[in-house]
């Protein structure tokens, strides 16, 4: 008696179609195009998990830069001042601080400016 692949093939197709659910036209209905779509979607998901990190960092930098400009300091000088003052806050925290606690952020900017002026005088 030969081995029949009906059940296992149906199970694997069902898994593929479940993953491709929501796609338009043949991308969600035809096995060959479903396979191609899934390969592409997994590749995009892998790539974009890394791109998301870059995008958030860019957003945080834009926010910090805008908050620093309002206080008369450029972003690069602010970061340099933080390094000189040995303040280790990441950009996400600085961005949140600039939005939710502007008074504390203003104090951090003042510390960075003091560190820059002290470094320039030395």
Protein backbone atom coordinates (compact mmCIF):
# COMPACT_ATOMS: atom_id res chain seq x y z
CA UNK A 1 0.00 0.00 0.00
CA UNK A 2 1.37 3.41 -0.93
CA UNK A 3 1.64 6.35 1.44
CA UNK A 4 -0.90 9.06 0.75
CA UNK A 5 -0.04 12.69 1.45
CA UNK A 6 -3.57 14.10 1.52
CA UNK A 7 -3.79 14.97 5.22
CA UNK A 8 -0.28 16.36 5.58
CA UNK A 9 -0.53 18.36 2.33
CA UNK A 10 -3.89 19.78 3.41
CA UNK A 11 -2.42 20.75 6.79
CA UNK A 12 0.58 22.52 5.23
CA UNK A 13 -1.63 24.36 2.71
CA UNK A 14 -3.99 25.38 5.51
CA UNK A 15 -1.04 26.81 7.47
CA UNK A 16 0.16 28.80 4.44
CA UNK A 17 -3.33 30.15 3.64
CA UNK A 18 -3.82 31.13 7.27
CA UNK A 19 -0.60 33.17 7.17
CA UNK A 20 -1.64 34.81 3.87
CA UNK A 21 -5.12 35.73 5.12
CA UNK A 22 -6.11 39.31 4.35
CA UNK A 23 -4.17 39.58 1.10
CA UNK A 24 -6.03 40.69 -2.02
CA UNK A 25 -6.90 38.44 -4.94
CA UNK A 26 -4.60 35.56 -5.77
CA UNK A 27 -2.17 36.56 -3.03
CA UNK A 28 -4.63 35.06 -0.55
CA UNK A 29 -6.27 32.38 -2.68
CA UNK A 30 -3.74 30.70 -5.01
CA UNK A 31 -1.14 28.39 -3.53
CA UNK A 32 1.81 29.43 -5.69
CA UNK A 33 1.26 33.16 -5.23
CA UNK A 34 0.54 32.61 -1.52
CA UNK A 35 3.97 30.98 -1.13
CA UNK A 36 5.67 33.90 -2.92
CA UNK A 37 3.73 36.41 -0.83
CA UNK A 38 4.68 34.72 2.44
CA UNK A 39 8.38 34.65 1.51
CA UNK A 40 8.27 38.36 0.71
CA UNK A 41 6.25 39.27 3.79
CA UNK A 42 8.68 37.44 6.07
CA UNK A 43 11.61 39.22 4.41
CA UNK A 44 9.91 42.61 4.84
CA UNK A 45 9.07 41.82 8.47
CA UNK A 46 12.69 40.88 9.20
CA UNK A 47 14.01 44.03 7.52
CA UNK A 48 11.46 46.36 9.08
CA UNK A 49 12.09 45.15 12.62
CA UNK A 50 15.51 46.76 12.21
CA UNK A 51 14.21 49.81 10.32
CA UNK A 52 11.75 50.52 13.16
CA UNK A 53 14.66 50.99 15.57
CA UNK A 54 16.29 53.49 13.18
CA UNK A 55 13.04 55.38 12.68
CA UNK A 56 12.44 55.76 16.40
CA UNK A 57 15.98 56.98 16.99
CA UNK A 58 15.53 59.59 14.23
CA UNK A 59 12.25 60.71 15.80
CA UNK A 60 13.85 61.08 19.24
CA UNK A 61 16.73 63.10 17.77
CA UNK A 62 14.31 65.43 15.94
CA UNK A 63 12.36 66.01 19.17
CA UNK A 64 15.49 66.66 21.23
CA UNK A 65 16.86 68.97 18.55
CA UNK A 66 13.64 71.03 18.51
CA UNK A 67 13.60 71.27 22.31
CA UNK A 68 17.27 72.34 22.38
CA UNK A 69 16.76 74.96 19.65
CA UNK A 70 13.99 76.51 21.76
CA UNK A 71 16.58 76.91 24.52
CA UNK A 72 19.27 78.36 22.25
CA UNK A 73 21.48 75.30 21.81
CA UNK A 74 22.05 73.00 18.85
CA UNK A 75 21.57 69.24 19.16
CA UNK A 76 25.22 68.39 18.55
CA UNK A 77 26.44 70.92 21.15
CA UNK A 78 23.85 69.60 23.62
CA UNK A 79 25.05 66.00 23.20
CA UNK A 80 28.66 67.15 23.50
CA UNK A 81 27.76 69.02 26.71
CA UNK A 82 26.09 65.91 28.13
CA UNK A 83 29.20 63.86 27.39
CA UNK A 84 31.43 66.46 29.06
CA UNK A 85 29.10 66.63 32.09
CA UNK A 86 29.15 62.79 32.17
CA UNK A 87 25.35 62.55 32.00
CA UNK A 88 24.38 59.22 30.47
CA UNK A 89 20.77 59.54 29.36
CA UNK A 90 19.69 57.81 26.18
CA UNK A 91 17.86 59.67 23.43
CA UNK A 92 14.53 58.02 24.19
CA UNK A 93 14.60 59.29 27.78
CA UNK A 94 15.75 62.76 26.70
CA UNK A 95 12.91 62.93 24.18
CA UNK A 96 10.32 61.86 26.76
CA UNK A 97 11.76 64.37 29.20
CA UNK A 98 11.54 67.19 26.65
CA UNK A 99 7.86 66.41 26.06
CA UNK A 100 6.54 65.50 29.50
CA UNK A 101 8.92 67.37 31.88
CA UNK A 102 10.16 70.51 30.11
CA UNK A 103 11.41 72.10 33.35
CA UNK A 104 13.70 69.16 34.10
CA UNK A 105 14.85 69.12 30.47
CA UNK A 106 15.65 72.83 30.80
CA UNK A 107 17.86 72.02 33.81
CA UNK A 108 19.66 69.29 31.83
CA UNK A 109 20.26 71.78 29.00
CA UNK A 110 21.67 74.27 31.52
CA UNK A 111 24.03 71.60 32.90
CA UNK A 112 25.17 70.78 29.35
CA UNK A 113 25.77 74.48 28.60
CA UNK A 114 27.77 74.91 31.83
CA UNK A 115 29.90 71.89 30.91
CA UNK A 116 30.55 73.37 27.45
CA UNK A 117 31.57 76.76 28.83
CA UNK A 118 33.82 75.14 31.47
CA UNK A 119 35.45 73.02 28.75
CA UNK A 120 35.97 76.05 26.51
CA UNK A 121 37.54 78.05 29.37
CA UNK A 122 39.95 75.26 30.26
